[in-house]
Amino acid sequence: MASSVQLLIAILDLYLADLAFSDANFENRAATFSFPEFPYKETAKNEAWFREQEASCEESSLCSSIAESRIARTRCARQCLSPSCYKEIYEADELEEGEIDVRLNSFKGCFIQRSTRQRP
């Protein structure tokens, strides 16, 4: 009986050691976050064009009626600005409340690139 208990303890020790090793390796791995990147040149003209179009979308009946949160209105405005850019950049991992939007310049680049043909 004593040898069975000792064997069980040894197996449990190995299991716990393996678990601790797995947890340590998991914590040391850096999370990678990737999304399509579009070049964006921050000029007064590009910023003004983006802000003008964004304001227009925010004031649209679709987006202005959203009262749940600021982030929901932001999502709505970005989808309104460019559904295809939104889909490529945000759809797989939508913006969350409090998140720093590291994808905004890429979205602006995509938007400017795709709206150049329509710009006056």
N, C-alpha and C. Protein backbone atom coordinates (compact mmCIF):
# COMPACT_ATOMS: atom_id res chain seq x y z
N MET A 1 0.82 -1.19 0.00
CA MET A 1 0.00 0.00 0.00
C MET A 1 0.87 1.26 0.00
N ALA A 2 1.94 1.23 0.81
CA ALA A 2 2.82 2.39 0.90
C ALA A 2 3.47 2.67 -0.45
N SER A 3 3.85 1.63 -1.20
CA SER A 3 4.48 1.86 -2.50
C SER A 3 3.47 2.42 -3.50
N SER A 4 2.21 2.06 -3.40
CA SER A 4 1.17 2.61 -4.27
C SER A 4 0.98 4.10 -4.00
N VAL A 5 1.00 4.46 -2.73
CA VAL A 5 0.85 5.87 -2.35
C VAL A 5 2.06 6.66 -2.83
N GLN A 6 3.26 6.07 -2.66
CA GLN A 6 4.48 6.75 -3.11
C GLN A 6 4.47 6.92 -4.62
N LEU A 7 4.01 5.91 -5.34
CA LEU A 7 3.92 5.99 -6.79
C LEU A 7 2.93 7.07 -7.21
N LEU A 8 1.80 7.12 -6.53
CA LEU A 8 0.79 8.13 -6.82
C LEU A 8 1.33 9.54 -6.55
N ILE A 9 2.06 9.70 -5.46
CA ILE A 9 2.66 10.99 -5.12
C ILE A 9 3.70 11.38 -6.18
N ALA A 10 4.49 10.43 -6.62
CA ALA A 10 5.51 10.70 -7.64
C ALA A 10 4.85 11.13 -8.96
N ILE A 11 3.78 10.46 -9.34
CA ILE A 11 3.06 10.81 -10.57
C ILE A 11 2.45 12.20 -10.44
N LEU A 12 1.87 12.48 -9.28
CA LEU A 12 1.27 13.79 -9.04
C LEU A 12 2.33 14.89 -9.08
N ASP A 13 3.50 14.62 -8.50
CA ASP A 13 4.60 15.59 -8.54
C ASP A 13 5.03 15.88 -9.97
N LEU A 14 5.14 14.83 -10.79
CA LEU A 14 5.52 15.02 -12.20
C LEU A 14 4.46 15.84 -12.94
N TYR A 15 3.21 15.53 -12.66
CA TYR A 15 2.11 16.25 -13.31
C TYR A 15 2.15 17.74 -12.93
N LEU A 16 2.33 18.02 -11.65
CA LEU A 16 2.38 19.41 -11.19
C LEU A 16 3.60 20.14 -11.74
N ALA A 17 4.72 19.46 -11.83
CA ALA A 17 5.93 20.06 -12.39
C ALA A 17 5.71 20.39 -13.86
N ASP A 18 5.06 19.49 -14.59
CA ASP A 18 4.76 19.72 -16.01
C ASP A 18 3.81 20.91 -16.16
N LEU A 19 2.81 20.98 -15.29
CA LEU A 19 1.87 22.10 -15.33
C LEU A 19 2.58 23.42 -15.07
N ALA A 20 3.45 23.45 -14.08
CA ALA A 20 4.19 24.68 -13.75
C ALA A 20 5.06 25.09 -14.92
N PHE A 21 5.70 24.13 -15.59
CA PHE A 21 6.55 24.42 -16.75
C PHE A 21 5.70 25.00 -17.89
N SER A 22 4.54 24.40 -18.12
CA SER A 22 3.65 24.88 -19.18
C SER A 22 3.18 26.30 -18.90
N ASP A 23 2.81 26.59 -17.66
CA ASP A 23 2.37 27.93 -17.29
C ASP A 23 3.48 28.95 -17.47
N ALA A 24 4.70 28.58 -17.08
CA ALA A 24 5.84 29.50 -17.21
C ALA A 24 6.10 29.81 -18.68
N ASN A 25 6.03 28.81 -19.53
CA ASN A 25 6.25 29.03 -20.97
C ASN A 25 5.13 29.87 -21.57
N PHE A 26 3.91 29.66 -21.11
CA PHE A 26 2.78 30.42 -21.62
C PHE A 26 2.94 31.90 -21.28
N GLU A 27 3.35 32.20 -20.06
CA GLU A 27 3.51 33.59 -19.63
C GLU A 27 4.65 34.29 -20.36
N ASN A 28 5.66 33.55 -20.79
CA ASN A 28 6.81 34.16 -21.45
C ASN A 28 6.58 34.42 -22.93
N ARG A 29 5.54 33.84 -23.49
CA ARG A 29 5.25 34.07 -24.91
C ARG A 29 4.57 35.41 -25.08
N ALA A 30 5.08 36.19 -26.02
CA ALA A 30 4.46 37.48 -26.31
C ALA A 30 3.25 37.26 -27.21
N ALA A 31 2.19 37.95 -26.90
CA ALA A 31 1.00 37.86 -27.75
C ALA A 31 1.25 38.66 -29.02
N THR A 32 0.94 38.07 -30.14
CA THR A 32 1.10 38.79 -31.39
C THR A 32 -0.27 39.23 -31.88
N PHE A 33 -0.33 40.47 -32.28
CA PHE A 33 -1.56 41.05 -32.77
C PHE A 33 -1.27 41.55 -34.17
N SER A 34 -1.92 40.98 -35.15
CA SER A 34 -1.64 41.42 -36.51
C SER A 34 -2.94 41.83 -37.20
N PHE A 35 -2.80 42.77 -38.08
CA PHE A 35 -3.92 43.28 -38.85
C PHE A 35 -3.35 43.85 -40.14
N PRO A 36 -4.15 43.99 -41.17
CA PRO A 36 -3.65 44.56 -42.42
C PRO A 36 -3.20 46.00 -42.19
N GLU A 37 -2.05 46.34 -42.70
CA GLU A 37 -1.53 47.69 -42.52
C GLU A 37 -1.54 48.43 -43.84
N PHE A 38 -2.10 49.62 -43.81
CA PHE A 38 -2.14 50.50 -44.97
C PHE A 38 -1.35 51.75 -44.63
N PRO A 39 -0.49 52.19 -45.54
CA PRO A 39 0.29 53.40 -45.24
C PRO A 39 -0.62 54.62 -45.16
N TYR A 40 -0.33 55.48 -44.21
CA TYR A 40 -1.11 56.70 -44.04
C TYR A 40 -0.17 57.87 -43.83
N LYS A 41 -0.30 58.87 -44.67
CA LYS A 41 0.50 60.08 -44.53
C LYS A 41 -0.38 61.12 -43.85
N GLU A 42 0.01 61.50 -42.64
CA GLU A 42 -0.79 62.44 -41.86
C GLU A 42 -0.52 63.87 -42.34
N THR A 43 -1.37 64.34 -43.21
CA THR A 43 -1.29 65.72 -43.70
C THR A 43 -2.56 66.45 -43.28
N ALA A 44 -2.51 67.77 -43.30
CA ALA A 44 -3.69 68.56 -42.94
C ALA A 44 -4.86 68.21 -43.85
N LYS A 45 -4.58 68.02 -45.12
CA LYS A 45 -5.62 67.70 -46.10
C LYS A 45 -6.26 66.34 -45.80
N ASN A 46 -5.42 65.33 -45.56
CA ASN A 46 -5.94 63.99 -45.24
C ASN A 46 -6.74 63.99 -43.94
N GLU A 47 -6.21 64.66 -42.92
CA GLU A 47 -6.90 64.71 -41.63
C GLU A 47 -8.24 65.43 -41.76
N ALA A 48 -8.26 66.54 -42.49
CA ALA A 48 -9.51 67.29 -42.67
C ALA A 48 -10.54 66.46 -43.42
N TRP A 49 -10.08 65.78 -44.47
CA TRP A 49 -10.99 64.93 -45.25
C TRP A 49 -11.56 63.81 -44.39
N PHE A 50 -10.70 63.15 -43.62
CA PHE A 50 -11.15 62.06 -42.76
C PHE A 50 -12.14 62.57 -41.71
N ARG A 51 -11.78 63.67 -41.01
CA ARG A 51 -12.66 64.21 -39.97
C ARG A 51 -14.01 64.64 -40.54
N GLU A 52 -13.99 65.25 -41.72
CA GLU A 52 -15.24 65.69 -42.36
C GLU A 52 -16.15 64.49 -42.66
N GLN A 53 -15.57 63.45 -43.23
CA GLN A 53 -16.35 62.26 -43.56
C GLN A 53 -16.81 61.52 -42.30
N GLU A 54 -15.93 61.47 -41.31
CA GLU A 54 -16.27 60.80 -40.05
C GLU A 54 -17.43 61.53 -39.36
N ALA A 55 -17.37 62.86 -39.33
CA ALA A 55 -18.45 63.64 -38.71
C ALA A 55 -19.77 63.41 -39.44
N SER A 56 -19.69 63.34 -40.75
CA SER A 56 -20.89 63.10 -41.55
C SER A 56 -21.51 61.74 -41.19
N CYS A 57 -20.67 60.74 -41.03
CA CYS A 57 -21.17 59.41 -40.64
C CYS A 57 -21.72 59.42 -39.22
N GLU A 58 -21.02 60.09 -38.30
CA GLU A 58 -21.48 60.14 -36.91
C GLU A 58 -22.84 60.83 -36.80
N GLU A 59 -23.08 61.81 -37.68
CA GLU A 59 -24.34 62.56 -37.65
C GLU A 59 -25.44 61.88 -38.46
N SER A 60 -25.10 60.84 -39.18
CA SER A 60 -26.12 60.13 -39.97
C SER A 60 -27.17 59.54 -39.05
N SER A 61 -28.36 59.30 -39.58
CA SER A 61 -29.44 58.76 -38.76
C SER A 61 -29.08 57.39 -38.17
N LEU A 62 -28.31 56.63 -38.90
CA LEU A 62 -27.93 55.30 -38.43
C LEU A 62 -27.04 55.38 -37.19
N CYS A 63 -25.99 56.20 -37.24
CA CYS A 63 -25.02 56.25 -36.14
C CYS A 63 -25.44 57.17 -35.00
N SER A 64 -26.12 58.27 -35.32
CA SER A 64 -26.49 59.21 -34.25
C SER A 64 -27.54 58.62 -33.31
N SER A 65 -28.26 57.63 -33.76
CA SER A 65 -29.29 57.01 -32.91
C SER A 65 -28.72 55.99 -31.94
N ILE A 66 -27.44 55.67 -32.08
CA ILE A 66 -26.82 54.68 -31.18
C ILE A 66 -26.47 55.37 -29.87
N ALA A 67 -27.10 54.94 -28.80
CA ALA A 67 -26.90 55.59 -27.51
C ALA A 67 -26.16 54.71 -26.51
N GLU A 68 -25.89 53.46 -26.89
CA GLU A 68 -25.34 52.53 -25.91
C GLU A 68 -23.94 52.91 -25.41
N SER A 69 -23.04 53.31 -26.30
CA SER A 69 -21.70 53.69 -25.86
C SER A 69 -20.97 54.44 -26.96
N ARG A 70 -19.94 55.14 -26.56
CA ARG A 70 -19.11 55.88 -27.51
C ARG A 70 -18.44 54.91 -28.49
N ILE A 71 -18.00 53.78 -28.00
CA ILE A 71 -17.31 52.82 -28.87
C ILE A 71 -18.26 52.25 -29.91
N ALA A 72 -19.52 52.07 -29.56
CA ALA A 72 -20.51 51.58 -30.53
C ALA A 72 -20.72 52.61 -31.64
N ARG A 73 -20.73 53.89 -31.27
CA ARG A 73 -20.86 54.95 -32.28
C ARG A 73 -19.62 55.01 -33.16
N THR A 74 -18.45 54.81 -32.56
CA THR A 74 -17.20 54.81 -33.33
C THR A 74 -17.21 53.66 -34.33
N ARG A 75 -17.61 52.48 -33.88
CA ARG A 75 -17.70 51.33 -34.79
C ARG A 75 -18.65 51.63 -35.95
N CYS A 76 -19.79 52.21 -35.63
CA CYS A 76 -20.79 52.55 -36.64
C CYS A 76 -20.21 53.54 -37.66
N ALA A 77 -19.55 54.58 -37.16
CA ALA A 77 -18.97 55.59 -38.05
C ALA A 77 -17.91 54.98 -38.96
N ARG A 78 -17.08 54.10 -38.42
CA ARG A 78 -16.02 53.49 -39.24
C ARG A 78 -16.63 52.57 -40.29
N GLN A 79 -17.67 51.85 -39.93
CA GLN A 79 -18.34 50.99 -40.92
C GLN A 79 -18.98 51.84 -42.00
N CYS A 80 -19.54 52.98 -41.62
CA CYS A 80 -20.15 53.91 -42.57
C CYS A 80 -19.08 54.50 -43.50
N LEU A 81 -17.94 54.89 -42.93
CA LEU A 81 -16.85 55.48 -43.72
C LEU A 81 -16.38 54.55 -44.82
N SER A 82 -16.11 53.31 -44.46
CA SER A 82 -15.63 52.34 -45.43
C SER A 82 -15.91 50.92 -44.95
N PRO A 83 -17.01 50.35 -45.41
CA PRO A 83 -17.33 48.98 -44.99
C PRO A 83 -16.21 47.99 -45.30
N SER A 84 -15.56 48.15 -46.45
CA SER A 84 -14.51 47.19 -46.82
C SER A 84 -13.28 47.35 -45.92
N CYS A 85 -12.89 48.58 -45.61
CA CYS A 85 -11.74 48.80 -44.71
C CYS A 85 -12.07 48.29 -43.31
N TYR A 86 -13.28 48.58 -42.85
CA TYR A 86 -13.69 48.12 -41.52
C TYR A 86 -13.61 46.60 -41.45
N LYS A 87 -14.12 45.96 -42.47
CA LYS A 87 -14.13 44.49 -42.49
C LYS A 87 -12.70 43.95 -42.42
N GLU A 88 -11.81 44.51 -43.22
CA GLU A 88 -10.42 44.02 -43.25
C GLU A 88 -9.68 44.27 -41.94
N ILE A 89 -9.91 45.42 -41.33
CA ILE A 89 -9.08 45.82 -40.19
C ILE A 89 -9.71 45.50 -38.83
N TYR A 90 -11.01 45.65 -38.72
CA TYR A 90 -11.65 45.53 -37.40
C TYR A 90 -12.57 44.32 -37.20
N GLU A 91 -13.10 43.77 -38.28
CA GLU A 91 -14.16 42.77 -38.11
C GLU A 91 -13.73 41.55 -37.28
N ALA A 92 -12.53 41.07 -37.49
CA ALA A 92 -12.08 39.86 -36.78
C ALA A 92 -11.87 40.12 -35.29
N ASP A 93 -11.55 41.37 -34.93
CA ASP A 93 -11.29 41.72 -33.54
C ASP A 93 -11.77 43.15 -33.32
N GLU A 94 -13.04 43.30 -33.01
CA GLU A 94 -13.64 44.63 -32.92
C GLU A 94 -13.06 45.44 -31.77
N LEU A 95 -13.12 46.76 -31.94
CA LEU A 95 -12.69 47.67 -30.88
C LEU A 95 -13.51 47.43 -29.62
N GLU A 96 -12.84 47.54 -28.49
CA GLU A 96 -13.52 47.37 -27.21
C GLU A 96 -13.40 48.64 -26.40
N GLU A 97 -14.31 48.83 -25.49
CA GLU A 97 -14.30 50.00 -24.61
C GLU A 97 -12.96 50.08 -23.90
N GLY A 98 -12.32 51.24 -23.96
CA GLY A 98 -11.04 51.46 -23.28
C GLY A 98 -9.81 51.02 -24.06
N GLU A 99 -10.01 50.37 -25.18
CA GLU A 99 -8.87 49.90 -26.00
C GLU A 99 -8.20 51.08 -26.69
N ILE A 100 -6.89 51.08 -26.70
CA ILE A 100 -6.14 52.07 -27.48
C ILE A 100 -6.15 51.57 -28.91
N ASP A 101 -6.65 52.39 -29.80
CA ASP A 101 -6.84 51.96 -31.19
C ASP A 101 -5.54 52.09 -31.99
N VAL A 102 -4.74 51.04 -31.98
CA VAL A 102 -3.48 51.05 -32.73
C VAL A 102 -3.71 50.85 -34.22
N ARG A 103 -4.94 50.54 -34.60
CA ARG A 103 -5.26 50.30 -36.01
C ARG A 103 -5.80 51.53 -36.73
N LEU A 104 -6.00 52.63 -36.01
CA LEU A 104 -6.65 53.80 -36.61
C LEU A 104 -5.89 54.34 -37.81
N ASN A 105 -4.58 54.50 -37.72
CA ASN A 105 -3.83 55.03 -38.86
C ASN A 105 -3.91 54.10 -40.06
N SER A 106 -3.94 52.81 -39.82
CA SER A 106 -4.09 51.86 -40.92
C SER A 106 -5.48 52.01 -41.54
N PHE A 107 -6.48 52.20 -40.70
CA PHE A 107 -7.84 52.42 -41.21
C PHE A 107 -7.89 53.71 -42.04
N LYS A 108 -7.27 54.76 -41.51
CA LYS A 108 -7.24 56.03 -42.26
C LYS A 108 -6.55 55.85 -43.60
N GLY A 109 -5.44 55.11 -43.61
CA GLY A 109 -4.72 54.85 -44.86
C GLY A 109 -5.58 54.11 -45.86
N CYS A 110 -6.28 53.10 -45.39
CA CYS A 110 -7.18 52.32 -46.25
C CYS A 110 -8.30 53.22 -46.77
N PHE A 111 -8.90 54.00 -45.87
CA PHE A 111 -9.99 54.90 -46.25
C PHE A 111 -9.54 55.91 -47.29
N ILE A 112 -8.41 56.56 -47.06
CA ILE A 112 -7.90 57.57 -47.99
C ILE A 112 -7.61 56.92 -49.34
N GLN A 113 -6.95 55.76 -49.29
CA GLN A 113 -6.60 55.04 -50.52
C GLN A 113 -7.84 54.70 -51.34
N ARG A 114 -8.87 54.22 -50.68
CA ARG A 114 -10.07 53.77 -51.40
C ARG A 114 -11.03 54.91 -51.74
N SER A 115 -10.89 56.03 -51.06
CA SER A 115 -11.80 57.14 -51.36
C SER A 115 -11.17 58.17 -52.29
N THR A 116 -9.90 57.99 -52.65
CA THR A 116 -9.20 58.94 -53.52
C THR A 116 -9.94 59.12 -54.84
N ARG A 117 -10.47 58.04 -55.36
CA ARG A 117 -11.18 58.12 -56.65
C ARG A 117 -12.46 58.94 -56.54
N GLN A 118 -13.04 59.00 -55.34
CA GLN A 118 -14.31 59.69 -55.17
C GLN A 118 -14.14 61.13 -54.68
N ARG A 119 -12.92 61.48 -54.27
CA ARG A 119 -12.69 62.81 -53.70
C ARG A 119 -12.79 63.90 -54.74
N PRO A 120 -13.34 65.05 -54.34
CA PRO A 120 -13.41 66.18 -55.28
C PRO A 120 -12.05 66.79 -55.53
